[in-house]
Amino acid sequence: MTGRGTGRRVRGLDAAQRREQRRSDLISAALTLFAERGFLHVSIEELCQTAFVGTKSFYELFDNKEQCYLALFEGLAARLLGDMAEAQSRFGADNDRLIAAFVHRLTEDPRVPSVLFRRSTAVSPAVEAARRANRRSAATLVVDAWSAADPPESFGVAELTSVALGFVGGMFELITDWLHEHDPSVPADVTRLVEDLTRFHATVRRGLDTP
């Protein structure tokens, strides 16, 4: 029996569930298409065709292509940050294991690093704002990890946060550069990225620990 206010069911889904399914299908299509070709070279019509969703339904969910991309970017970034917060609770002060966990989680699906790093630059001011917010959130996790391990005594919270933000920016740039030369689906390439980021982190920490 259909509950009051849910409307008729199609394939067992009410109207709200069908709307959420269409949104999920569009986000999934966006992940594939934007990862492969970038924001500028994908049309709304292609997104709809890939997701088997009508154009009218697209505009019921998103105002434009940018909003769809932003929903994808923010969803991927939130999941990655959530996974790293969980890893931090498991690994504590072991920063090398945290870096390895970050890289392996990031590269589980090769489309994810492409969207978050390689394809996200110069999309729009809104996406750039999301990228910067993502960096600040990542920097907060880094400060927490440093503080749990062996906090630099000569740095206050504000100074440490600034260094962490610079470290995250450098780390993200290394990932972007790596994506242009390496394949996230190749284990040896992933190992190379872990090693590069671990060395970079050790260099930054030595600078922080130098009196």
Protein backbone atom coordinates (compact mmCIF):
# COMPACT_ATOMS: atom_id res chain seq x y z
CA MET A 1 0.00 0.00 0.00
CA THR A 2 1.37 3.42 -0.90
CA GLY A 3 1.96 5.72 2.07
CA ARG A 4 0.26 9.07 2.23
CA GLY A 5 2.21 11.82 0.46
CA THR A 6 4.62 9.46 -1.32
CA GLY A 7 2.67 9.26 -4.61
CA ARG A 8 2.56 6.22 -6.84
CA ARG A 9 5.45 3.78 -6.81
CA VAL A 10 7.44 2.82 -9.91
CA ARG A 11 9.58 -0.30 -9.59
CA GLY A 12 9.05 -0.14 -5.85
CA LEU A 13 10.30 3.46 -5.50
CA ASP A 14 8.25 6.47 -4.50
CA ALA A 15 8.76 9.92 -6.04
CA ALA A 16 11.47 11.02 -3.58
CA GLN A 17 13.36 7.77 -4.03
CA ARG A 18 13.16 8.01 -7.82
CA ARG A 19 14.50 11.56 -7.64
CA GLU A 20 17.40 10.42 -5.48
CA GLN A 21 18.08 7.53 -7.85
CA ARG A 22 18.22 9.92 -10.82
CA ARG A 23 20.61 12.17 -8.91
CA SER A 24 22.82 9.20 -8.05
CA ASP A 25 22.83 8.05 -11.69
CA LEU A 26 23.82 11.52 -12.89
CA ILE A 27 26.62 11.81 -10.33
CA SER A 28 27.90 8.39 -11.40
CA ALA A 29 27.84 9.45 -15.06
CA ALA A 30 29.58 12.71 -14.15
CA LEU A 31 32.37 10.81 -12.38
CA THR A 32 33.11 8.79 -15.50
CA LEU A 33 32.76 11.57 -18.09
CA PHE A 34 34.44 14.39 -16.19
CA ALA A 35 37.32 12.12 -15.17
CA GLU A 36 37.92 11.08 -18.77
CA ARG A 37 37.42 14.38 -20.58
CA GLY A 38 37.21 17.25 -18.12
CA PHE A 39 34.48 19.76 -17.40
CA LEU A 40 34.57 21.76 -20.63
CA HIS A 41 34.28 18.81 -22.99
CA VAL A 42 31.20 17.16 -21.48
CA SER A 43 27.69 18.37 -22.25
CA ILE A 44 24.54 18.10 -20.18
CA GLU A 45 23.05 15.98 -22.96
CA GLU A 46 25.92 13.49 -22.66
CA LEU A 47 25.51 13.32 -18.91
CA CYS A 48 21.81 12.57 -19.33
CA GLN A 49 22.36 9.98 -22.05
CA THR A 50 25.00 8.16 -20.00
CA ALA A 51 22.79 8.21 -16.89
CA PHE A 52 19.61 7.33 -18.84
CA VAL A 53 17.99 10.41 -17.32
CA GLY A 54 15.91 12.97 -19.22
CA THR A 55 17.14 16.53 -19.63
CA LYS A 56 14.05 17.79 -17.79
CA SER A 57 14.94 15.62 -14.82
CA PHE A 58 18.51 17.00 -14.89
CA TYR A 59 17.24 20.56 -14.48
CA GLU A 60 14.96 19.47 -11.66
CA LEU A 61 18.09 18.40 -9.79
CA PHE A 62 20.79 20.85 -10.91
CA ASP A 63 20.64 24.41 -12.21
CA ASN A 64 23.52 23.81 -14.62
CA LYS A 65 26.53 21.60 -15.40
CA GLU A 66 28.72 23.45 -12.89
CA GLN A 67 26.36 22.57 -10.05
CA CYS A 68 26.49 18.90 -11.05
CA TYR A 69 30.30 18.99 -11.10
CA LEU A 70 30.36 20.72 -7.73
CA ALA A 71 28.06 18.09 -6.20
CA LEU A 72 30.39 15.38 -7.51
CA PHE A 73 33.54 17.14 -6.28
CA GLU A 74 32.18 17.87 -2.81
CA GLY A 75 30.87 14.32 -2.42
CA LEU A 76 34.22 12.77 -3.35
CA ALA A 77 36.17 15.17 -1.14
CA ALA A 78 33.88 14.60 1.85
CA ARG A 79 34.20 10.82 1.56
CA LEU A 80 37.99 11.01 1.30
CA LEU A 81 38.28 13.34 4.30
CA GLY A 82 35.94 11.11 6.29
CA ASP A 83 38.04 8.06 5.44
CA MET A 84 41.20 9.87 6.53
CA ALA A 85 39.64 10.94 9.82
CA GLU A 86 38.81 7.28 10.42
CA ALA A 87 42.35 6.22 9.48
CA GLN A 88 43.72 8.80 11.89
CA SER A 89 41.73 7.24 14.71
CA ARG A 90 43.26 3.85 13.83
CA PHE A 91 46.88 4.84 13.10
CA GLY A 92 47.21 7.72 15.55
CA ALA A 93 50.66 9.33 15.31
CA ASP A 94 51.99 7.07 12.55
CA ASN A 95 52.11 9.67 9.79
CA ASP A 96 53.78 7.37 7.26
CA ARG A 97 50.87 4.91 7.53
CA LEU A 98 48.43 7.80 7.23
CA ILE A 99 50.07 8.93 3.99
CA ALA A 100 50.00 5.39 2.60
CA ALA A 101 46.34 5.02 3.60
CA PHE A 102 45.52 8.33 1.92
CA VAL A 103 47.19 7.37 -1.36
CA HIS A 104 45.66 3.90 -1.50
CA ARG A 105 42.19 5.20 -0.68
CA LEU A 106 42.56 7.99 -3.25
CA THR A 107 43.65 5.65 -6.04
CA GLU A 108 41.18 2.79 -5.43
CA ASP A 109 39.09 4.27 -8.21
CA PRO A 110 41.37 5.98 -10.78
CA ARG A 111 38.54 8.35 -11.72
CA VAL A 112 38.54 9.93 -8.26
CA PRO A 113 42.03 11.54 -8.30
CA SER A 114 41.37 12.74 -11.84
CA VAL A 115 38.25 14.65 -10.74
CA LEU A 116 39.67 15.91 -7.43
CA PHE A 117 43.06 17.00 -8.71
CA ARG A 118 43.72 16.79 -12.45
CA ARG A 119 40.39 18.06 -13.79
CA SER A 120 39.23 20.44 -11.07
CA THR A 121 41.41 23.45 -11.85
CA ALA A 122 39.90 26.45 -13.65
CA VAL A 123 36.39 24.99 -13.76
CA SER A 124 34.64 27.90 -12.06
CA PRO A 125 34.93 30.22 -9.04
CA ALA A 126 32.53 27.96 -7.11
CA VAL A 127 34.63 24.86 -7.73
CA GLU A 128 37.79 26.78 -6.86
CA ALA A 129 36.18 27.80 -3.56
CA ALA A 130 35.36 24.14 -2.91
CA ARG A 131 38.96 23.15 -3.68
CA ARG A 132 40.27 25.69 -1.19
CA ALA A 133 37.78 24.61 1.46
CA ASN A 134 38.93 21.04 0.89
CA ARG A 135 42.55 22.11 1.44
CA ARG A 136 41.68 23.85 4.69
CA SER A 137 39.85 20.76 5.95
CA ALA A 138 42.80 18.58 4.99
CA ALA A 139 45.17 20.99 6.75
CA THR A 140 43.13 20.62 9.93
CA LEU A 141 43.63 16.85 9.79
CA VAL A 142 47.36 17.37 9.26
CA VAL A 143 47.62 19.65 12.30
CA ASP A 144 45.78 17.05 14.36
CA ALA A 145 48.18 14.33 13.17
CA TRP A 146 51.25 16.43 13.93
CA SER A 147 49.90 17.37 17.34
CA ALA A 148 49.19 13.72 18.19
CA ALA A 149 52.68 12.64 17.14
CA ASP A 150 55.25 15.16 18.36
CA PRO A 151 54.03 18.76 18.11
CA PRO A 152 56.74 21.28 17.16
CA GLU A 153 57.36 23.26 20.33
CA SER A 154 58.36 26.52 18.66
CA PHE A 155 55.13 26.88 16.64
CA GLY A 156 51.79 28.19 17.82
CA VAL A 157 48.50 26.88 16.48
CA ALA A 158 48.14 29.65 13.89
CA GLU A 159 51.70 29.16 12.61
CA LEU A 160 51.32 25.39 12.51
CA THR A 161 48.05 25.73 10.61
CA SER A 162 49.73 27.95 8.01
CA VAL A 163 52.54 25.44 7.53
CA ALA A 164 50.01 22.60 7.29
CA LEU A 165 48.06 24.49 4.64
CA GLY A 166 51.26 24.98 2.64
CA PHE A 167 52.12 21.31 3.07
CA VAL A 168 48.69 20.21 1.84
CA GLY A 169 48.95 22.56 -1.15
CA GLY A 170 52.35 21.10 -2.01
CA MET A 171 51.10 17.56 -1.54
CA PHE A 172 48.10 18.18 -3.79
CA GLU A 173 50.37 19.68 -6.46
CA LEU A 174 52.62 16.61 -6.31
CA ILE A 175 49.56 14.42 -6.82
CA THR A 176 48.43 16.53 -9.78
CA ASP A 177 51.88 16.32 -11.35
CA TRP A 178 52.02 12.57 -10.71
CA LEU A 179 48.69 12.07 -12.49
CA HIS A 180 50.13 13.49 -15.69
CA GLU A 181 52.94 10.93 -15.76
CA HIS A 182 51.59 7.87 -13.94
CA ASP A 183 48.60 5.53 -13.86
CA PRO A 184 46.59 5.18 -10.61
CA SER A 185 45.70 1.62 -11.61
CA VAL A 186 49.36 0.50 -11.68
CA PRO A 187 50.59 -0.63 -8.21
CA ALA A 188 54.20 0.39 -8.89
CA ASP A 189 53.06 3.92 -9.78
CA VAL A 190 50.97 4.12 -6.61
CA THR A 191 53.99 3.00 -4.57
CA ARG A 192 56.01 5.76 -6.20
CA LEU A 193 53.45 8.35 -5.08
CA VAL A 194 53.48 7.02 -1.51
CA GLU A 195 57.27 7.32 -1.46
CA ASP A 196 57.24 10.85 -2.92
CA LEU A 197 54.66 12.12 -0.42
CA THR A 198 56.39 10.41 2.49
CA ARG A 199 59.70 12.08 1.59
CA PHE A 200 57.97 15.43 1.20
CA HIS A 201 56.33 15.06 4.60
CA ALA A 202 59.63 14.10 6.23
CA THR A 203 61.28 17.19 4.73
CA VAL A 204 58.55 19.48 6.06
CA ARG A 205 58.75 17.88 9.50
CA ARG A 206 62.52 18.34 9.62
CA GLY A 207 61.99 22.03 8.96
CA LEU A 208 59.42 22.25 11.72
CA ASP A 209 61.65 20.38 14.18
CA THR A 210 64.76 22.49 13.50
CA PRO A 211 65.27 24.98 16.36
